[in-house]
Amino acid sequence: MSELAEKVQQDLVAAIDNDDLVLPTLPEVALQIRKAAEDPEISVGDLSKVIGRDTALSARLIKVVNSPLLRAAQEVTDLHTAITRL
């Protein structure tokens, strides 16, 4: 691996570790999530399918649910459980 590629890789890993890496949500996925979240009849399963289309948002929700403020006895590792807890 070239020196530049190694530097980029190190920077990405550091950004992920420090929670400095921000991945944008695609506009069309954001609109779908918003529409689904506003539907009072939507099930948690359907909502998790819509949110699951955005990997960055899914990871962030799971991270929030596992934060010290919301953490339960067992770590949450799936989106469905994370949405249920929220």
PDB file of N, CA and C in Angstrom:
ATOM      1  N   MET A   1       0.848  -1.163   0.000  1.00  0.00           N
ATOM      2  CA  MET A   1       0.000   0.000   0.000  1.00  0.00           C
ATOM      3  C   MET A   1       0.902   1.237   0.000  1.00  0.00           C
ATOM      4  N   SER A   2       0.523   2.222  -0.774  1.00  0.00           N
ATOM      5  CA  SER A   2       1.349   3.429  -0.867  1.00  0.00           C
ATOM      6  C   SER A   2       1.264   4.237   0.424  1.00  0.00           C
ATOM      7  N   GLU A   3       2.189   5.143   0.586  1.00  0.00           N
ATOM      8  CA  GLU A   3       2.240   5.987   1.783  1.00  0.00           C
ATOM      9  C   GLU A   3       0.980   6.853   1.896  1.00  0.00           C
ATOM     10  N   LEU A   4       0.520   7.376   0.774  1.00  0.00           N
ATOM     11  CA  LEU A   4      -0.691   8.204   0.776  1.00  0.00           C
ATOM     12  C   LEU A   4      -1.916   7.387   1.184  1.00  0.00           C
ATOM     13  N   ALA A   5      -2.037   6.179   0.640  1.00  0.00           N
ATOM     14  CA  ALA A   5      -3.175   5.323   0.972  1.00  0.00           C
ATOM     15  C   ALA A   5      -3.168   4.954   2.454  1.00  0.00           C
ATOM     16  N   GLU A   6      -2.001   4.692   2.999  1.00  0.00           N
ATOM     17  CA  GLU A   6      -1.897   4.380   4.419  1.00  0.00           C
ATOM     18  C   GLU A   6      -2.301   5.574   5.279  1.00  0.00           C
ATOM     19  N   LYS A   7      -1.892   6.766   4.860  1.00  0.00           N
ATOM     20  CA  LYS A   7      -2.238   7.989   5.589  1.00  0.00           C
ATOM     21  C   LYS A   7      -3.754   8.216   5.574  1.00  0.00           C
ATOM     22  N   VAL A   8      -4.370   8.024   4.419  1.00  0.00           N
ATOM     23  CA  VAL A   8      -5.825   8.180   4.300  1.00  0.00           C
ATOM     24  C   VAL A   8      -6.535   7.158   5.182  1.00  0.00           C
ATOM     25  N   GLN A   9      -6.059   5.927   5.161  1.00  0.00           N
ATOM     26  CA  GLN A   9      -6.655   4.878   5.975  1.00  0.00           C
ATOM     27  C   GLN A   9      -6.532   5.219   7.466  1.00  0.00           C
ATOM     28  N   GLN A  10      -5.382   5.675   7.888  1.00  0.00           N
ATOM     29  CA  GLN A  10      -5.170   6.052   9.292  1.00  0.00           C
ATOM     30  C   GLN A  10      -6.089   7.208   9.696  1.00  0.00           C
ATOM     31  N   ASP A  11      -6.224   8.185   8.797  1.00  0.00           N
ATOM     32  CA  ASP A  11      -7.095   9.321   9.085  1.00  0.00           C
ATOM     33  C   ASP A  11      -8.559   8.896   9.213  1.00  0.00           C
ATOM     34  N   LEU A  12      -8.990   7.989   8.335  1.00  0.00           N
ATOM     35  CA  LEU A  12     -10.371   7.493   8.404  1.00  0.00           C
ATOM     36  C   LEU A  12     -10.622   6.723   9.690  1.00  0.00           C
ATOM     37  N   VAL A  13      -9.698   5.852  10.049  1.00  0.00           N
ATOM     38  CA  VAL A  13      -9.846   5.076  11.287  1.00  0.00           C
ATOM     39  C   VAL A  13      -9.884   6.007  12.495  1.00  0.00           C
ATOM     40  N   ALA A  14      -9.021   7.018  12.511  1.00  0.00           N
ATOM     41  CA  ALA A  14      -9.009   7.980  13.617  1.00  0.00           C
ATOM     42  C   ALA A  14     -10.323   8.750  13.684  1.00  0.00           C
ATOM     43  N   ALA A  15     -10.851   9.161  12.532  1.00  0.00           N
ATOM     44  CA  ALA A  15     -12.119   9.897  12.496  1.00  0.00           C
ATOM     45  C   ALA A  15     -13.267   9.031  12.998  1.00  0.00           C
ATOM     46  N   ILE A  16     -13.269   7.775  12.639  1.00  0.00           N
ATOM     47  CA  ILE A  16     -14.312   6.853  13.102  1.00  0.00           C
ATOM     48  C   ILE A  16     -14.191   6.652  14.609  1.00  0.00           C
ATOM     49  N   ASP A  17     -12.964   6.439  15.091  1.00  0.00           N
ATOM     50  CA  ASP A  17     -12.744   6.218  16.518  1.00  0.00           C
ATOM     51  C   ASP A  17     -13.139   7.436  17.352  1.00  0.00           C
ATOM     52  N   ASN A  18     -12.914   8.632  16.821  1.00  0.00           N
ATOM     53  CA  ASN A  18     -13.214   9.868  17.546  1.00  0.00           C
ATOM     54  C   ASN A  18     -14.626  10.374  17.297  1.00  0.00           C
ATOM     55  N   ASP A  19     -15.396   9.620  16.513  1.00  0.00           N
ATOM     56  CA  ASP A  19     -16.763  10.005  16.147  1.00  0.00           C
ATOM     57  C   ASP A  19     -16.793  11.341  15.412  1.00  0.00           C
ATOM     58  N   ASP A  20     -15.755  11.580  14.599  1.00  0.00           N
ATOM     59  CA  ASP A  20     -15.654  12.805  13.815  1.00  0.00           C
ATOM     60  C   ASP A  20     -16.094  12.615  12.371  1.00  0.00           C
ATOM     61  N   LEU A  21     -16.322  11.381  11.970  1.00  0.00           N
ATOM     62  CA  LEU A  21     -16.693  11.095  10.592  1.00  0.00           C
ATOM     63  C   LEU A  21     -18.189  11.265  10.431  1.00  0.00           C
ATOM     64  N   VAL A  22     -18.590  12.173   9.569  1.00  0.00           N
ATOM     65  CA  VAL A  22     -20.005  12.433   9.334  1.00  0.00           C
ATOM     66  C   VAL A  22     -20.341  12.006   7.913  1.00  0.00           C
ATOM     67  N   LEU A  23     -21.213  11.027   7.808  1.00  0.00           N
ATOM     68  CA  LEU A  23     -21.660  10.565   6.507  1.00  0.00           C
ATOM     69  C   LEU A  23     -23.037  11.155   6.233  1.00  0.00           C
ATOM     70  N   PRO A  24     -23.190  11.849   5.127  1.00  0.00           N
ATOM     71  CA  PRO A  24     -24.481  12.502   4.859  1.00  0.00           C
ATOM     72  C   PRO A  24     -25.567  11.495   4.480  1.00  0.00           C
ATOM     73  N   THR A  25     -26.780  11.828   4.843  1.00  0.00           N
ATOM     74  CA  THR A  25     -27.936  11.038   4.441  1.00  0.00           C
ATOM     75  C   THR A  25     -28.372  11.510   3.064  1.00  0.00           C
ATOM     76  N   LEU A  26     -28.646  10.569   2.180  1.00  0.00           N
ATOM     77  CA  LEU A  26     -29.101  10.930   0.845  1.00  0.00           C
ATOM     78  C   LEU A  26     -30.477  11.582   0.933  1.00  0.00           C
ATOM     79  N   PRO A  27     -30.709  12.649   0.176  1.00  0.00           N
ATOM     80  CA  PRO A  27     -31.979  13.387   0.278  1.00  0.00           C
ATOM     81  C   PRO A  27     -33.221  12.523   0.080  1.00  0.00           C
ATOM     82  N   GLU A  28     -33.192  11.617  -0.878  1.00  0.00           N
ATOM     83  CA  GLU A  28     -34.400  10.830  -1.126  1.00  0.00           C
ATOM     84  C   GLU A  28     -34.658   9.845   0.015  1.00  0.00           C
ATOM     85  N   VAL A  29     -33.602   9.308   0.611  1.00  0.00           N
ATOM     86  CA  VAL A  29     -33.775   8.424   1.763  1.00  0.00           C
ATOM     87  C   VAL A  29     -34.272   9.226   2.961  1.00  0.00           C
ATOM     88  N   ALA A  30     -33.749  10.425   3.150  1.00  0.00           N
ATOM     89  CA  ALA A  30     -34.190  11.288   4.250  1.00  0.00           C
ATOM     90  C   ALA A  30     -35.676  11.599   4.125  1.00  0.00           C
ATOM     91  N   LEU A  31     -36.130  11.876   2.919  1.00  0.00           N
ATOM     92  CA  LEU A  31     -37.564  12.154   2.711  1.00  0.00           C
ATOM     93  C   LEU A  31     -38.414  10.922   3.010  1.00  0.00           C
ATOM     94  N   GLN A  32     -37.941   9.750   2.615  1.00  0.00           N
ATOM     95  CA  GLN A  32     -38.677   8.514   2.892  1.00  0.00           C
ATOM     96  C   GLN A  32     -38.756   8.247   4.396  1.00  0.00           C
ATOM     97  N   ILE A  33     -37.658   8.500   5.097  1.00  0.00           N
ATOM     98  CA  ILE A  33     -37.639   8.303   6.551  1.00  0.00           C
ATOM     99  C   ILE A  33     -38.597   9.277   7.219  1.00  0.00           C
ATOM    100  N   ARG A  34     -38.562  10.519   6.791  1.00  0.00           N
ATOM    101  CA  ARG A  34     -39.451  11.529   7.378  1.00  0.00           C
ATOM    102  C   ARG A  34     -40.920  11.166   7.158  1.00  0.00           C
ATOM    103  N   LYS A  35     -41.248  10.754   5.954  1.00  0.00           N
ATOM    104  CA  LYS A  35     -42.627  10.374   5.642  1.00  0.00           C
ATOM    105  C   LYS A  35     -43.050   9.172   6.484  1.00  0.00           C
ATOM    106  N   ALA A  36     -42.165   8.197   6.613  1.00  0.00           N
ATOM    107  CA  ALA A  36     -42.485   7.004   7.401  1.00  0.00           C
ATOM    108  C   ALA A  36     -42.643   7.355   8.879  1.00  0.00           C
ATOM    109  N   ALA A  37     -41.770   8.216   9.406  1.00  0.00           N
ATOM    110  CA  ALA A  37     -41.826   8.582  10.819  1.00  0.00           C
ATOM    111  C   ALA A  37     -43.090   9.375  11.154  1.00  0.00           C
ATOM    112  N   GLU A  38     -43.638  10.084  10.192  1.00  0.00           N
ATOM    113  CA  GLU A  38     -44.854  10.867  10.416  1.00  0.00           C
ATOM    114  C   GLU A  38     -46.130  10.036  10.324  1.00  0.00           C
ATOM    115  N   ASP A  39     -46.016   8.805   9.854  1.00  0.00           N
ATOM    116  CA  ASP A  39     -47.172   7.928   9.711  1.00  0.00           C
ATOM    117  C   ASP A  39     -47.503   7.293  11.067  1.00  0.00           C
ATOM    118  N   PRO A  40     -48.643   7.639  11.662  1.00  0.00           N
ATOM    119  CA  PRO A  40     -48.979   7.094  12.983  1.00  0.00           C
ATOM    120  C   PRO A  40     -49.292   5.600  12.956  1.00  0.00           C
ATOM    121  N   GLU A  41     -49.535   5.046  11.790  1.00  0.00           N
ATOM    122  CA  GLU A  41     -49.901   3.638  11.666  1.00  0.00           C
ATOM    123  C   GLU A  41     -48.728   2.728  11.318  1.00  0.00           C
ATOM    124  N   ILE A  42     -47.526   3.286  11.170  1.00  0.00           N
ATOM    125  CA  ILE A  42     -46.386   2.473  10.745  1.00  0.00           C
ATOM    126  C   ILE A  42     -45.916   1.578  11.895  1.00  0.00           C
ATOM    127  N   SER A  43     -45.511   0.375  11.549  1.00  0.00           N
ATOM    128  CA  SER A  43     -44.998  -0.541  12.566  1.00  0.00           C
ATOM    129  C   SER A  43     -43.496  -0.305  12.741  1.00  0.00           C
ATOM    130  N   VAL A  44     -42.961  -0.786  13.837  1.00  0.00           N
ATOM    131  CA  VAL A  44     -41.525  -0.654  14.091  1.00  0.00           C
ATOM    132  C   VAL A  44     -40.736  -1.402  13.017  1.00  0.00           C
ATOM    133  N   GLY A  45     -41.244  -2.530  12.594  1.00  0.00           N
ATOM    134  CA  GLY A  45     -40.572  -3.307  11.552  1.00  0.00           C
ATOM    135  C   GLY A  45     -40.481  -2.544  10.240  1.00  0.00           C
ATOM    136  N   ASP A  46     -41.583  -1.911   9.858  1.00  0.00           N
ATOM    137  CA  ASP A  46     -41.583  -1.131   8.614  1.00  0.00           C
ATOM    138  C   ASP A  46     -40.682   0.097   8.733  1.00  0.00           C
ATOM    139  N   LEU A  47     -40.724   0.743   9.889  1.00  0.00           N
ATOM    140  CA  LEU A  47     -39.869   1.903  10.097  1.00  0.00           C
ATOM    141  C   LEU A  47     -38.393   1.507  10.057  1.00  0.00           C
ATOM    142  N   SER A  48     -38.055   0.375  10.650  1.00  0.00           N
ATOM    143  CA  SER A  48     -36.661  -0.064  10.636  1.00  0.00           C
ATOM    144  C   SER A  48     -36.200  -0.424   9.227  1.00  0.00           C
ATOM    145  N   LYS A  49     -37.104  -0.911   8.386  1.00  0.00           N
ATOM    146  CA  LYS A  49     -36.733  -1.192   6.989  1.00  0.00           C
ATOM    147  C   LYS A  49     -36.395   0.098   6.245  1.00  0.00           C
ATOM    148  N   VAL A  50     -37.188   1.139   6.481  1.00  0.00           N
ATOM    149  CA  VAL A  50     -36.948   2.424   5.820  1.00  0.00           C
ATOM    150  C   VAL A  50     -35.647   3.042   6.324  1.00  0.00           C
ATOM    151  N   ILE A  51     -35.467   3.082   7.636  1.00  0.00           N
ATOM    152  CA  ILE A  51     -34.253   3.659   8.203  1.00  0.00           C
ATOM    153  C   ILE A  51     -33.034   2.818   7.824  1.00  0.00           C
ATOM    154  N   GLY A  52     -33.211   1.533   7.701  1.00  0.00           N
ATOM    155  CA  GLY A  52     -32.113   0.626   7.347  1.00  0.00           C
ATOM    156  C   GLY A  52     -31.511   0.895   5.984  1.00  0.00           C
ATOM    157  N   ARG A  53     -32.191   1.653   5.160  1.00  0.00           N
ATOM    158  CA  ARG A  53     -31.642   2.018   3.849  1.00  0.00           C
ATOM    159  C   ARG A  53     -30.487   3.001   3.969  1.00  0.00           C
ATOM    160  N   ASP A  54     -30.388   3.651   5.121  1.00  0.00           N
ATOM    161  CA  ASP A  54     -29.306   4.601   5.368  1.00  0.00           C
ATOM    162  C   ASP A  54     -28.392   4.014   6.445  1.00  0.00           C
ATOM    163  N   THR A  55     -27.259   3.500   6.016  1.00  0.00           N
ATOM    164  CA  THR A  55     -26.341   2.824   6.923  1.00  0.00           C
ATOM    165  C   THR A  55     -25.816   3.751   8.012  1.00  0.00           C
ATOM    166  N   ALA A  56     -25.499   4.980   7.641  1.00  0.00           N
ATOM    167  CA  ALA A  56     -24.944   5.919   8.614  1.00  0.00           C
ATOM    168  C   ALA A  56     -25.955   6.231   9.718  1.00  0.00           C
ATOM    169  N   LEU A  57     -27.193   6.475   9.340  1.00  0.00           N
ATOM    170  CA  LEU A  57     -28.231   6.771  10.323  1.00  0.00           C
ATOM    171  C   LEU A  57     -28.512   5.554  11.200  1.00  0.00           C
ATOM    172  N   SER A  58     -28.531   4.389  10.606  1.00  0.00           N
ATOM    173  CA  SER A  58     -28.755   3.161  11.374  1.00  0.00           C
ATOM    174  C   SER A  58     -27.677   2.979  12.430  1.00  0.00           C
ATOM    175  N   ALA A  59     -26.436   3.165  12.028  1.00  0.00           N
ATOM    176  CA  ALA A  59     -25.323   3.024  12.971  1.00  0.00           C
ATOM    177  C   ALA A  59     -25.408   4.063  14.075  1.00  0.00           C
ATOM    178  N   ARG A  60     -25.784   5.272  13.728  1.00  0.00           N
ATOM    179  CA  ARG A  60     -25.890   6.348  14.717  1.00  0.00           C
ATOM    180  C   ARG A  60     -27.001   6.053  15.731  1.00  0.00           C
ATOM    181  N   LEU A  61     -28.133   5.556  15.274  1.00  0.00           N
ATOM    182  CA  LEU A  61     -29.225   5.212  16.187  1.00  0.00           C
ATOM    183  C   LEU A  61     -28.804   4.121  17.173  1.00  0.00           C
ATOM    184  N   ILE A  62     -28.121   3.117  16.665  1.00  0.00           N
ATOM    185  CA  ILE A  62     -27.651   2.035  17.534  1.00  0.00           C
ATOM    186  C   ILE A  62     -26.641   2.576  18.544  1.00  0.00           C
ATOM    187  N   LYS A  63     -25.787   3.481  18.094  1.00  0.00           N
ATOM    188  CA  LYS A  63     -24.804   4.076  18.995  1.00  0.00           C
ATOM    189  C   LYS A  63     -25.488   4.900  20.090  1.00  0.00           C
ATOM    190  N   VAL A  64     -26.511   5.659  19.731  1.00  0.00           N
ATOM    191  CA  VAL A  64     -27.242   6.473  20.709  1.00  0.00           C
ATOM    192  C   VAL A  64     -27.924   5.579  21.735  1.00  0.00           C
ATOM    193  N   VAL A  65     -28.546   4.509  21.288  1.00  0.00           N
ATOM    194  CA  VAL A  65     -29.247   3.604  22.204  1.00  0.00           C
ATOM    195  C   VAL A  65     -28.263   2.935  23.166  1.00  0.00           C
ATOM    196  N   ASN A  66     -27.038   2.719  22.729  1.00  0.00           N
ATOM    197  CA  ASN A  66     -26.033   2.104  23.586  1.00  0.00           C
ATOM    198  C   ASN A  66     -25.240   3.125  24.405  1.00  0.00           C
ATOM    199  N   SER A  67     -25.602   4.398  24.321  1.00  0.00           N
ATOM    200  CA  SER A  67     -24.919   5.430  25.099  1.00  0.00           C
ATOM    201  C   SER A  67     -25.243   5.247  26.585  1.00  0.00           C
ATOM    202  N   PRO A  68     -24.422   5.786  27.464  1.00  0.00           N
ATOM    203  CA  PRO A  68     -24.666   5.623  28.908  1.00  0.00           C
ATOM    204  C   PRO A  68     -26.054   6.099  29.357  1.00  0.00           C
ATOM    205  N   LEU A  69     -26.604   7.092  28.693  1.00  0.00           N
ATOM    206  CA  LEU A  69     -27.914   7.610  29.074  1.00  0.00           C
ATOM    207  C   LEU A  69     -29.044   6.611  28.828  1.00  0.00           C
ATOM    208  N   LEU A  70     -28.963   5.859  27.743  1.00  0.00           N
ATOM    209  CA  LEU A  70     -30.053   4.956  27.359  1.00  0.00           C
ATOM    210  C   LEU A  70     -29.710   3.475  27.464  1.00  0.00           C
ATOM    211  N   ARG A  71     -28.478   3.163  27.770  1.00  0.00           N
ATOM    212  CA  ARG A  71     -28.019   1.774  27.754  1.00  0.00           C
ATOM    213  C   ARG A  71     -28.802   0.913  28.735  1.00  0.00           C
ATOM    214  N   ALA A  72     -29.114  -0.281  28.308  1.00  0.00           N
ATOM    215  CA  ALA A  72     -29.780  -1.258  29.170  1.00  0.00           C
ATOM    216  C   ALA A  72     -28.754  -2.311  29.581  1.00  0.00           C
ATOM    217  N   ALA A  73     -29.215  -3.365  30.185  1.00  0.00           N
ATOM    218  CA  ALA A  73     -28.316  -4.421  30.650  1.00  0.00           C
ATOM    219  C   ALA A  73     -27.589  -5.106  29.490  1.00  0.00           C
ATOM    220  N   GLN A  74     -28.251  -5.180  28.357  1.00  0.00           N
ATOM    221  CA  GLN A  74     -27.671  -5.868  27.203  1.00  0.00           C
ATOM    222  C   GLN A  74     -27.475  -4.886  26.057  1.00  0.00           C
ATOM    223  N   GLU A  75     -26.338  -4.997  25.379  1.00  0.00           N
ATOM    224  CA  GLU A  75     -26.027  -4.097  24.270  1.00  0.00           C
ATOM    225  C   GLU A  75     -26.974  -4.343  23.088  1.00  0.00           C
ATOM    226  N   VAL A  76     -27.418  -3.268  22.473  1.00  0.00           N
ATOM    227  CA  VAL A  76     -28.284  -3.353  21.288  1.00  0.00           C
ATOM    228  C   VAL A  76     -27.394  -3.456  20.061  1.00  0.00           C
ATOM    229  N   THR A  77     -27.674  -4.432  19.210  1.00  0.00           N
ATOM    230  CA  THR A  77     -26.864  -4.630  18.006  1.00  0.00           C
ATOM    231  C   THR A  77     -27.682  -4.582  16.723  1.00  0.00           C
ATOM    232  N   ASP A  78     -29.011  -4.441  16.850  1.00  0.00           N
ATOM    233  CA  ASP A  78     -29.824  -4.395  15.630  1.00  0.00           C
ATOM    234  C   ASP A  78     -30.735  -3.171  15.651  1.00  0.00           C
ATOM    235  N   LEU A  79     -31.075  -2.726  14.473  1.00  0.00           N
ATOM    236  CA  LEU A  79     -31.850  -1.501  14.298  1.00  0.00           C
ATOM    237  C   LEU A  79     -33.263  -1.615  14.882  1.00  0.00           C
ATOM    238  N   HIS A  80     -33.909  -2.738  14.700  1.00  0.00           N
ATOM    239  CA  HIS A  80     -35.279  -2.932  15.187  1.00  0.00           C
ATOM    240  C   HIS A  80     -35.342  -2.712  16.692  1.00  0.00           C
ATOM    241  N   THR A  81     -34.424  -3.310  17.428  1.00  0.00           N
ATOM    242  CA  THR A  81     -34.388  -3.155  18.882  1.00  0.00           C
ATOM    243  C   THR A  81     -34.066  -1.713  19.269  1.00  0.00           C
ATOM    244  N   ALA A  82     -33.164  -1.081  18.523  1.00  0.00           N
ATOM    245  CA  ALA A  82     -32.795   0.304  18.800  1.00  0.00           C
ATOM    246  C   ALA A  82     -34.013   1.228  18.665  1.00  0.00           C
ATOM    247  N   ILE A  83     -34.782   1.040  17.614  1.00  0.00           N
ATOM    248  CA  ILE A  83     -35.976   1.877  17.402  1.00  0.00           C
ATOM    249  C   ILE A  83     -37.000   1.607  18.483  1.00  0.00           C
ATOM    250  N   THR A  84     -37.164   0.358  18.862  1.00  0.00           N
ATOM    251  CA  THR A  84     -38.107   0.005  19.923  1.00  0.00           C
ATOM    252  C   THR A  84     -37.721   0.689  21.235  1.00  0.00           C
ATOM    253  N   ARG A  85     -36.442   0.689  21.550  1.00  0.00           N
ATOM    254  CA  ARG A  85     -35.974   1.321  22.795  1.00  0.00           C
ATOM    255  C   ARG A  85     -36.182   2.825  22.766  1.00  0.00           C
ATOM    256  N   LEU A  86     -35.975   3.443  21.596  1.00  0.00           N
ATOM    257  CA  LEU A  86     -36.161   4.892  21.500  1.00  0.00           C
ATOM    258  C   LEU A  86     -37.634   5.227  21.579  1.00  0.00           C
TER     259      LEU A  86
END
